């Protein structure tokens, strides 16, 4: 029946690179409840979209001209029921907010020019991002990585993700990192490599996405991780994750253990 459930839907998978055969033994990651995995995956998607649409809006506001000198990145912070993307500028030895854009429901509002110092929390959030980047591990699946920084709901730590972006329209199921960073943003407390190798999956052809699934074997954890939720939402596809002797479906924010159904 395991073969039947896979064959029943269009299954888009990519062969792992040859280098995967020489990969070191997997290092187990910090395990989370499925509830936290789902919540963090949704927040990663929300913050990633905010950074993306705000960046597009800011660049469009400059027209054909270059960005102002000293631009140093951005942070994404909660702003009521929306998100505020703060673009930063280096001034002497201080980081300041240079532009703010409110993103609500995935849509960027107007660009607001500001000249404001960062709060202690905002500075720590940006430092956490920089600390994670400085401590990336051996697995490099892209020349550039996207970043998301969230406050851990269960501690005072920051959680930072370095995310491998899509490449040639292929979906990067592997290649992502999760970091646990101290509250002041300066110390890496833990680095979790969320896969043992790079793994890019071919998406289903246009017009054949309904009912399609991506199949992936997870060997660094006992179940799905938050990047599986993120990718499922981003690509509007269901992922079937095999972890140990268990099967899970990840359909957007919904994670279900389908082992009993598969075994029937």
Protein backbone atom coordinates (compact mmCIF):
# COMPACT_ATOMS: atom_id res chain seq x y z
CA UNK A 1 0.00 0.00 0.00
CA UNK A 2 2.98 2.31 0.52
CA UNK A 3 3.75 2.16 -3.20
CA UNK A 4 0.09 2.72 -4.05
CA UNK A 5 -0.27 5.91 -2.04
CA UNK A 6 2.81 7.39 -3.70
CA UNK A 7 1.72 6.38 -7.17
CA UNK A 8 -1.81 7.70 -6.61
CA UNK A 9 -0.61 11.30 -6.93
CA UNK A 10 1.84 13.07 -9.18
CA UNK A 11 5.12 12.84 -7.35
CA UNK A 12 7.82 15.37 -8.24
CA UNK A 13 11.24 14.53 -6.86
CA UNK A 14 14.81 15.35 -7.73
CA UNK A 15 17.69 12.95 -7.41
CA UNK A 16 20.15 13.96 -4.67
CA UNK A 17 23.52 15.16 -5.92
CA UNK A 18 26.29 12.61 -6.26
CA UNK A 19 28.09 14.33 -3.40
CA UNK A 20 25.28 13.22 -1.11
CA UNK A 21 26.80 9.73 -1.10
CA UNK A 22 29.89 11.17 0.57
CA UNK A 23 28.00 13.27 3.11
CA UNK A 24 28.98 12.81 6.75
CA UNK A 25 26.62 11.06 9.13
CA UNK A 26 23.59 13.23 9.92
CA UNK A 27 23.59 15.26 13.11
CA UNK A 28 20.24 15.12 14.94
CA UNK A 29 18.57 18.50 15.36
CA UNK A 30 16.58 20.02 18.21
CA UNK A 31 13.16 18.36 18.07
CA UNK A 32 9.97 20.42 18.25
CA UNK A 33 6.32 19.53 18.63
CA UNK A 34 4.33 19.40 15.41
CA UNK A 35 2.34 22.39 16.71
CA UNK A 36 5.49 24.50 17.01
CA UNK A 37 6.80 23.26 13.65
CA UNK A 38 3.55 24.40 12.02
CA UNK A 39 3.49 27.77 13.79
CA UNK A 40 7.12 28.57 12.98
CA UNK A 41 6.70 27.50 9.35
CA UNK A 42 3.78 29.88 8.97
CA UNK A 43 5.74 32.72 10.55
CA UNK A 44 8.77 32.07 8.34
CA UNK A 45 6.52 32.37 5.28
CA UNK A 46 4.86 35.54 6.60
CA UNK A 47 8.18 37.25 7.36
CA UNK A 48 9.83 36.08 4.13
CA UNK A 49 7.00 37.49 2.03
CA UNK A 50 7.12 40.78 3.96
CA UNK A 51 10.84 41.21 3.30
CA UNK A 52 10.38 40.33 -0.36
CA UNK A 53 7.48 42.67 -1.18
CA UNK A 54 8.94 45.51 0.92
CA UNK A 55 12.29 45.24 -0.86
CA UNK A 56 10.53 45.40 -4.23
CA UNK A 57 8.58 48.47 -3.08
CA UNK A 58 11.69 50.22 -1.80
CA UNK A 59 13.67 49.60 -4.98
CA UNK A 60 10.73 50.81 -7.07
CA UNK A 61 10.66 54.03 -5.04
CA UNK A 62 14.24 54.78 -6.08
CA UNK A 63 13.32 54.56 -9.75
CA UNK A 64 16.37 54.22 -11.96
CA UNK A 65 18.66 55.66 -9.31
CA UNK A 66 20.88 53.69 -6.93
CA UNK A 67 19.94 53.09 -3.25
CA UNK A 68 21.30 55.65 -0.78
CA UNK A 69 24.83 55.06 0.46
CA UNK A 70 25.30 53.10 3.66
CA UNK A 71 22.31 50.76 3.38
CA UNK A 72 22.98 47.81 5.68
CA UNK A 73 20.07 45.37 5.41
CA UNK A 74 16.71 45.16 7.13
CA UNK A 75 14.75 43.72 10.01
CA UNK A 76 11.11 42.65 10.15
CA UNK A 77 9.18 43.46 13.32
CA UNK A 78 5.59 42.99 14.45
CA UNK A 79 3.37 46.07 14.08
CA UNK A 80 -0.09 45.27 15.43
CA UNK A 81 -1.72 42.88 12.99
CA UNK A 82 0.87 43.76 10.32
CA UNK A 83 4.62 43.58 9.88
CA UNK A 84 7.00 46.52 9.61
CA UNK A 85 10.08 46.10 7.45
CA UNK A 86 12.78 48.51 8.64
CA UNK A 87 15.58 49.14 6.17
CA UNK A 88 18.76 50.12 7.96
CA UNK A 89 21.56 52.53 7.25
CA UNK A 90 25.02 52.62 8.82
CA UNK A 91 25.87 56.06 10.17
CA UNK A 92 29.35 56.27 11.72
CA UNK A 93 29.29 53.56 14.40
CA UNK A 94 25.50 53.35 14.68
CA UNK A 95 22.76 51.57 12.78
CA UNK A 96 19.63 53.60 12.19
CA UNK A 97 16.31 52.97 10.53
CA UNK A 98 16.27 54.71 7.15
CA UNK A 99 12.98 53.53 5.60
CA UNK A 100 9.89 51.81 7.03
CA UNK A 101 7.32 49.86 5.03
CA UNK A 102 4.23 48.32 6.59
CA UNK A 103 3.22 44.99 5.04
CA UNK A 104 -0.32 43.78 5.65
CA UNK A 105 -1.76 40.60 4.14
CA UNK A 106 1.30 40.26 1.92
CA UNK A 107 0.96 43.74 0.40
CA UNK A 108 3.45 46.54 0.92
CA UNK A 109 2.26 49.98 1.96
CA UNK A 110 3.96 53.27 1.14
CA UNK A 111 7.66 53.85 1.73
CA UNK A 112 8.27 56.10 4.73
CA UNK A 113 11.65 57.79 5.05
CA UNK A 114 12.78 57.87 8.68
CA UNK A 115 15.91 58.67 10.65
CA UNK A 116 15.49 56.83 13.91
CA UNK A 117 17.76 54.90 16.26
CA UNK A 118 16.99 51.23 16.75
CA UNK A 119 15.52 49.97 20.00
CA UNK A 120 17.54 47.46 22.03
CA UNK A 121 15.30 44.66 20.75
CA UNK A 122 15.68 45.76 17.14
CA UNK A 123 19.46 45.94 17.47
CA UNK A 124 19.54 42.47 19.04
CA UNK A 125 17.36 41.10 16.23
CA UNK A 126 19.76 42.42 13.60
CA UNK A 127 22.81 41.17 15.52
CA UNK A 128 21.22 37.71 15.76
CA UNK A 129 20.95 37.63 11.97
CA UNK A 130 24.60 38.63 11.58
CA UNK A 131 25.73 36.07 14.17
CA UNK A 132 23.92 33.29 12.32
CA UNK A 133 25.43 34.29 8.98
CA UNK A 134 28.91 34.26 10.52
CA UNK A 135 28.37 30.72 11.81
CA UNK A 136 26.99 28.90 8.78
CA UNK A 137 28.11 25.27 8.59
CA UNK A 138 29.63 23.05 5.91
CA UNK A 139 26.49 22.68 3.77
CA UNK A 140 26.24 25.45 1.17
CA UNK A 141 23.49 24.93 -1.39
CA UNK A 142 23.39 28.45 -2.82
CA UNK A 143 25.67 31.45 -3.10
CA UNK A 144 23.02 33.56 -1.40
CA UNK A 145 20.72 32.70 1.49
CA UNK A 146 17.50 34.36 2.60
CA UNK A 147 17.18 35.16 6.29
CA UNK A 148 14.31 35.16 8.76
CA UNK A 149 14.61 36.13 12.44
CA UNK A 150 11.89 35.32 14.97
CA UNK A 151 11.61 35.49 18.74
CA UNK A 152 11.42 31.98 20.17
CA UNK A 153 7.97 31.64 21.81
CA UNK A 154 9.42 29.24 24.40
CA UNK A 155 12.49 31.18 25.57
CA UNK A 156 14.25 34.54 25.44
CA UNK A 157 16.39 33.38 22.50
CA UNK A 158 16.21 34.39 18.87
CA UNK A 159 15.58 31.82 16.16
CA UNK A 160 17.28 32.58 12.85
CA UNK A 161 16.89 30.70 9.59
CA UNK A 162 19.23 30.79 6.63
CA UNK A 163 17.09 29.60 3.73
CA UNK A 164 18.30 28.29 0.39
CA UNK A 165 16.27 30.07 -2.32
CA UNK A 166 14.67 28.46 -5.35
CA UNK A 167 17.12 27.71 -8.15
CA UNK A 168 16.04 27.39 -11.78
CA UNK A 169 12.45 27.04 -10.55
CA UNK A 170 13.43 23.99 -8.46
CA UNK A 171 12.16 23.75 -4.89
CA UNK A 172 14.93 23.57 -2.25
CA UNK A 173 13.62 20.97 0.19
CA UNK A 174 17.12 20.58 1.64
CA UNK A 175 19.81 23.12 2.38
CA UNK A 176 18.30 25.19 5.21
CA UNK A 177 19.66 26.09 8.65
CA UNK A 178 18.06 26.96 11.97
CA UNK A 179 20.07 28.84 14.62
CA UNK A 180 19.37 29.52 18.27
CA UNK A 181 20.97 32.85 19.20
CA UNK A 182 21.25 34.50 22.62
CA UNK A 183 18.84 37.27 23.61
CA UNK A 184 21.47 39.95 23.01
CA UNK A 185 22.04 38.61 19.49
CA UNK A 186 25.77 38.07 20.01
CA UNK A 187 26.18 34.35 20.78
CA UNK A 188 25.28 31.27 18.80
CA UNK A 189 23.78 28.75 21.22
CA UNK A 190 22.95 26.06 18.69
CA UNK A 191 23.15 25.46 14.94
CA UNK A 192 20.80 22.93 13.39
CA UNK A 193 21.36 21.88 9.79
CA UNK A 194 17.84 20.88 8.74
CA UNK A 195 19.00 18.41 6.08
CA UNK A 196 22.11 16.35 5.50
CA UNK A 197 22.55 17.35 1.84
CA UNK A 198 21.27 19.77 -0.77
CA UNK A 199 18.06 18.59 -2.39
CA UNK A 200 16.14 20.43 -5.12
CA UNK A 201 12.79 19.07 -6.35
CA UNK A 202 11.24 19.66 -9.74
CA UNK A 203 7.78 21.22 -9.32
CA UNK A 204 4.84 19.59 -11.07
CA UNK A 205 4.03 20.91 -14.55
CA UNK A 206 1.61 23.80 -14.80
CA UNK A 207 -1.96 22.57 -14.74
CA UNK A 208 -1.05 19.42 -12.79
CA UNK A 209 -0.54 20.86 -9.30
CA UNK A 210 -3.90 19.80 -7.91
CA UNK A 211 -3.33 16.59 -5.96
CA UNK A 212 0.43 16.69 -6.59
CA UNK A 213 2.88 15.76 -3.85
CA UNK A 214 6.59 16.05 -3.20
CA UNK A 215 8.17 13.10 -1.43
CA UNK A 216 11.18 13.52 0.86
CA UNK A 217 13.04 11.36 3.37
CA UNK A 218 14.05 13.32 6.48
CA UNK A 219 17.04 11.84 8.35
CA UNK A 220 18.07 14.56 10.81
CA UNK A 221 14.82 14.64 12.81
CA UNK A 222 11.95 12.39 13.86
CA UNK A 223 9.39 14.31 11.86
CA UNK A 224 8.82 17.25 9.53
CA UNK A 225 10.53 20.57 10.21
CA UNK A 226 9.31 24.13 9.85
CA UNK A 227 10.92 24.65 6.44
CA UNK A 228 8.69 21.87 5.06
CA UNK A 229 5.66 23.90 6.20
CA UNK A 230 7.15 27.07 4.72
CA UNK A 231 7.81 25.40 1.35
CA UNK A 232 4.37 23.77 1.27
CA UNK A 233 2.69 27.15 1.79
CA UNK A 234 5.01 28.95 -0.60
CA UNK A 235 4.53 26.46 -3.43
CA UNK A 236 0.94 25.40 -2.64
CA UNK A 237 1.95 21.76 -2.66
CA UNK A 238 1.62 18.88 -0.22
CA UNK A 239 4.86 17.34 1.00
CA UNK A 240 5.02 13.71 2.14
CA UNK A 241 7.83 13.40 4.69
CA UNK A 242 9.26 10.03 5.72
CA UNK A 243 11.08 10.18 9.06
CA UNK A 244 12.23 6.89 10.51
CA UNK A 245 9.26 4.53 10.24
CA UNK A 246 6.64 7.29 10.19
CA UNK A 247 4.94 9.04 7.26
CA UNK A 248 3.67 12.63 7.52
CA UNK A 249 1.74 14.84 5.15
CA UNK A 250 2.47 18.56 5.23
CA UNK A 251 -0.29 20.47 3.51
CA UNK A 252 0.32 24.12 4.25
CA UNK A 253 0.05 24.65 8.00
CA UNK A 254 -1.57 21.25 8.53
CA UNK A 255 0.71 18.38 9.52
CA UNK A 256 -0.74 14.88 9.83
CA UNK A 257 0.80 11.54 10.73
CA UNK A 258 -0.46 9.29 7.92
CA UNK A 259 1.54 6.17 8.81
CA UNK A 260 -1.53 4.07 9.67
CA UNK A 261 -3.20 5.04 6.40
CA UNK A 262 -0.07 4.20 4.41
CA UNK A 263 0.28 0.82 6.13
CA UNK A 264 -3.27 -0.32 5.39
